[in-house]
Amino acid sequence: MLAGVLIWTEVDRFEAMRHFYVESLGLEPRSNREDFVDFEWGSTRLTIGVHEQVRGEARDPLRIMINLAVDDIDQAHNRLVAAQVPCLRQPSPEPWGGRVATYSDPDGNTVQLMTGTARQ
């Protein structure tokens, strides 16, 4: 079982990252410190933290995708567009029966919102 995902950023980019995950995505922090913010998403933790060896945006934004399940993808999408979050893919149907929308966080990491369930 996956316990969590940790996204490292640099100190100068941390506030933009925190703002994106708290204000734009609407995640509620479990722990919120000067250089670290942690969220619970079901039984998984998502953490954003400062690391002294990280510089700039993600070099390959498709290497890791953060997938977050939402109840209402259209409402979430409209909120993100209003917040001027870069949308890489509008909410659209998937062959497995759900819908997915794709965005970019301030460090260039790919974040996907998903709704629906996979067909059995």
C-alpha atoms as a PDB file:
ATOM      1  CA  MET A   1       0.000   0.000   0.000  1.00  0.00           C
ATOM      2  CA  LEU A   2       1.283   3.456  -0.919  1.00  0.00           C
ATOM      3  CA  ALA A   3       1.743   5.596   2.190  1.00  0.00           C
ATOM      4  CA  GLY A   4       2.311   8.891   0.435  1.00  0.00           C
ATOM      5  CA  VAL A   5       3.946  11.114  -2.150  1.00  0.00           C
ATOM      6  CA  LEU A   6       6.533  13.786  -1.335  1.00  0.00           C
ATOM      7  CA  ILE A   7       7.172  16.663  -3.738  1.00  0.00           C
ATOM      8  CA  TRP A   8      10.353  18.624  -3.096  1.00  0.00           C
ATOM      9  CA  THR A   9      10.668  22.247  -4.162  1.00  0.00           C
ATOM     10  CA  GLU A  10      13.100  25.073  -3.494  1.00  0.00           C
ATOM     11  CA  VAL A  11      12.576  27.671  -0.774  1.00  0.00           C
ATOM     12  CA  ASP A  12      11.778  30.492  -3.242  1.00  0.00           C
ATOM     13  CA  ARG A  13       9.019  28.421  -4.894  1.00  0.00           C
ATOM     14  CA  PHE A  14       7.482  26.929  -1.752  1.00  0.00           C
ATOM     15  CA  GLU A  15       4.796  29.578  -1.145  1.00  0.00           C
ATOM     16  CA  ALA A  16       3.525  29.261  -4.731  1.00  0.00           C
ATOM     17  CA  MET A  17       3.383  25.486  -4.334  1.00  0.00           C
ATOM     18  CA  ARG A  18       1.577  25.745  -0.984  1.00  0.00           C
ATOM     19  CA  HIS A  19      -0.888  28.235  -2.466  1.00  0.00           C
ATOM     20  CA  PHE A  20      -1.603  25.920  -5.400  1.00  0.00           C
ATOM     21  CA  TYR A  21      -2.326  22.846  -3.292  1.00  0.00           C
ATOM     22  CA  VAL A  22      -4.214  24.693  -0.505  1.00  0.00           C
ATOM     23  CA  GLU A  23      -6.002  27.534  -2.288  1.00  0.00           C
ATOM     24  CA  SER A  24      -6.325  26.379  -5.901  1.00  0.00           C
ATOM     25  CA  LEU A  25      -6.890  22.655  -5.323  1.00  0.00           C
ATOM     26  CA  GLY A  26      -8.631  23.218  -2.000  1.00  0.00           C
ATOM     27  CA  LEU A  27      -6.708  20.572  -0.041  1.00  0.00           C
ATOM     28  CA  GLU A  28      -6.835  20.991   3.729  1.00  0.00           C
ATOM     29  CA  PRO A  29      -3.418  20.843   5.395  1.00  0.00           C
ATOM     30  CA  ARG A  30      -2.856  18.205   8.044  1.00  0.00           C
ATOM     31  CA  SER A  31       0.430  19.854   8.984  1.00  0.00           C
ATOM     32  CA  ASN A  32       1.444  23.320   7.809  1.00  0.00           C
ATOM     33  CA  ARG A  33       4.898  24.683   8.611  1.00  0.00           C
ATOM     34  CA  GLU A  34       7.249  27.285   7.196  1.00  0.00           C
ATOM     35  CA  ASP A  35       8.900  24.850   4.761  1.00  0.00           C
ATOM     36  CA  PHE A  36       6.531  21.872   4.775  1.00  0.00           C
ATOM     37  CA  VAL A  37       2.827  21.252   4.152  1.00  0.00           C
ATOM     38  CA  ASP A  38       1.205  17.835   4.415  1.00  0.00           C
ATOM     39  CA  PHE A  39      -2.254  16.656   3.299  1.00  0.00           C
ATOM     40  CA  GLU A  40      -4.249  13.481   3.821  1.00  0.00           C
ATOM     41  CA  TRP A  41      -6.026  12.178   0.736  1.00  0.00           C
ATOM     42  CA  GLY A  42      -7.917   9.144   1.936  1.00  0.00           C
ATOM     43  CA  SER A  43      -5.284   6.839   3.381  1.00  0.00           C
ATOM     44  CA  THR A  44      -2.454   8.500   1.422  1.00  0.00           C
ATOM     45  CA  ARG A  45      -0.388  11.543   2.363  1.00  0.00           C
ATOM     46  CA  LEU A  46       0.704  14.203  -0.083  1.00  0.00           C
ATOM     47  CA  THR A  47       3.561  16.367   1.165  1.00  0.00           C
ATOM     48  CA  ILE A  48       5.235  19.468  -0.275  1.00  0.00           C
ATOM     49  CA  GLY A  49       8.577  20.327   1.287  1.00  0.00           C
ATOM     50  CA  VAL A  50      11.683  22.446   0.776  1.00  0.00           C
ATOM     51  CA  HIS A  51      14.892  20.648  -0.179  1.00  0.00           C
ATOM     52  CA  GLU A  52      18.195  22.509  -0.478  1.00  0.00           C
ATOM     53  CA  GLN A  53      19.300  20.542  -3.560  1.00  0.00           C
ATOM     54  CA  VAL A  54      16.150  21.192  -5.637  1.00  0.00           C
ATOM     55  CA  ARG A  55      16.317  24.066  -8.141  1.00  0.00           C
ATOM     56  CA  GLY A  56      13.708  25.376 -10.570  1.00  0.00           C
ATOM     57  CA  GLU A  57      10.792  23.616 -12.214  1.00  0.00           C
ATOM     58  CA  ALA A  58      10.438  19.902 -12.813  1.00  0.00           C
ATOM     59  CA  ARG A  59      12.742  18.889 -15.669  1.00  0.00           C
ATOM     60  CA  ASP A  60      10.325  16.256 -16.957  1.00  0.00           C
ATOM     61  CA  PRO A  61       6.748  17.123 -15.914  1.00  0.00           C
ATOM     62  CA  LEU A  62       5.392  13.825 -17.243  1.00  0.00           C
ATOM     63  CA  ARG A  63       7.691  11.600 -15.183  1.00  0.00           C
ATOM     64  CA  ILE A  64       5.331  11.723 -12.193  1.00  0.00           C
ATOM     65  CA  MET A  65       1.609  12.517 -12.249  1.00  0.00           C
ATOM     66  CA  ILE A  66      -0.236  13.255  -9.044  1.00  0.00           C
ATOM     67  CA  ASN A  67      -3.748  11.804  -9.424  1.00  0.00           C
ATOM     68  CA  LEU A  68      -6.418  13.112  -7.065  1.00  0.00           C
ATOM     69  CA  ALA A  69      -9.946  11.681  -6.993  1.00  0.00           C
ATOM     70  CA  VAL A  70     -12.699  14.308  -6.821  1.00  0.00           C
ATOM     71  CA  ASP A  71     -16.464  14.033  -6.558  1.00  0.00           C
ATOM     72  CA  ASP A  72     -17.278  16.818  -9.037  1.00  0.00           C
ATOM     73  CA  ILE A  73     -14.596  17.251 -11.693  1.00  0.00           C
ATOM     74  CA  ASP A  74     -16.454  20.046 -13.499  1.00  0.00           C
ATOM     75  CA  GLN A  75     -16.740  22.141 -10.330  1.00  0.00           C
ATOM     76  CA  ALA A  76     -13.064  21.521  -9.510  1.00  0.00           C
ATOM     77  CA  HIS A  77     -12.046  22.356 -13.086  1.00  0.00           C
ATOM     78  CA  ASN A  78     -14.004  25.622 -13.071  1.00  0.00           C
ATOM     79  CA  ARG A  79     -12.369  26.633  -9.766  1.00  0.00           C
ATOM     80  CA  LEU A  80      -8.874  25.912 -11.145  1.00  0.00           C
ATOM     81  CA  VAL A  81      -9.515  27.777 -14.410  1.00  0.00           C
ATOM     82  CA  ALA A  82     -10.813  30.775 -12.413  1.00  0.00           C
ATOM     83  CA  ALA A  83      -7.581  30.641 -10.373  1.00  0.00           C
ATOM     84  CA  GLN A  84      -5.627  30.700 -13.668  1.00  0.00           C
ATOM     85  CA  VAL A  85      -4.067  27.279 -13.092  1.00  0.00           C
ATOM     86  CA  PRO A  86      -2.583  26.031 -16.384  1.00  0.00           C
ATOM     87  CA  CYS A  87      -4.941  23.408 -17.818  1.00  0.00           C
ATOM     88  CA  LEU A  88      -3.219  20.823 -19.998  1.00  0.00           C
ATOM     89  CA  ARG A  89      -6.367  18.766 -20.664  1.00  0.00           C
ATOM     90  CA  GLN A  90     -10.023  19.669 -20.131  1.00  0.00           C
ATOM     91  CA  PRO A  91     -12.183  17.135 -18.247  1.00  0.00           C
ATOM     92  CA  SER A  92     -12.787  14.322 -20.709  1.00  0.00           C
ATOM     93  CA  PRO A  93     -13.957  10.698 -20.662  1.00  0.00           C
ATOM     94  CA  GLU A  94     -11.597   7.772 -20.290  1.00  0.00           C
ATOM     95  CA  PRO A  95     -12.078   4.258 -21.732  1.00  0.00           C
ATOM     96  CA  TRP A  96     -12.281   2.885 -18.164  1.00  0.00           C
ATOM     97  CA  GLY A  97     -15.468   4.872 -17.525  1.00  0.00           C
ATOM     98  CA  GLY A  98     -14.250   7.869 -15.534  1.00  0.00           C
ATOM     99  CA  ARG A  99     -13.209  11.377 -16.477  1.00  0.00           C
ATOM    100  CA  VAL A 100      -9.781  13.015 -16.148  1.00  0.00           C
ATOM    101  CA  ALA A 101      -8.517  16.607 -16.313  1.00  0.00           C
ATOM    102  CA  THR A 102      -4.831  17.542 -16.264  1.00  0.00           C
ATOM    103  CA  TYR A 103      -3.092  20.624 -14.860  1.00  0.00           C
ATOM    104  CA  SER A 104       0.372  21.925 -14.038  1.00  0.00           C
ATOM    105  CA  ASP A 105       1.436  23.001 -10.542  1.00  0.00           C
ATOM    106  CA  PRO A 106       3.811  25.986 -10.047  1.00  0.00           C
ATOM    107  CA  ASP A 107       6.891  23.710 -10.303  1.00  0.00           C
ATOM    108  CA  GLY A 108       5.630  22.202 -13.565  1.00  0.00           C
ATOM    109  CA  ASN A 109       4.565  18.859 -12.047  1.00  0.00           C
ATOM    110  CA  THR A 110       1.564  17.234 -13.701  1.00  0.00           C
ATOM    111  CA  VAL A 111      -1.545  16.996 -11.518  1.00  0.00           C
ATOM    112  CA  GLN A 112      -4.605  15.074 -12.677  1.00  0.00           C
ATOM    113  CA  LEU A 113      -8.096  15.186 -11.228  1.00  0.00           C
ATOM    114  CA  MET A 114     -10.105  12.020 -11.694  1.00  0.00           C
ATOM    115  CA  THR A 115     -13.734  11.102 -11.153  1.00  0.00           C
ATOM    116  CA  GLY A 116     -15.680   7.905 -11.695  1.00  0.00           C
ATOM    117  CA  THR A 117     -14.721   4.309 -11.167  1.00  0.00           C
ATOM    118  CA  ALA A 118     -12.962   1.777 -13.296  1.00  0.00           C
ATOM    119  CA  ARG A 119     -15.115  -0.837 -14.962  1.00  0.00           C
ATOM    120  CA  GLN A 120     -14.751  -4.306 -13.487  1.00  0.00           C
END
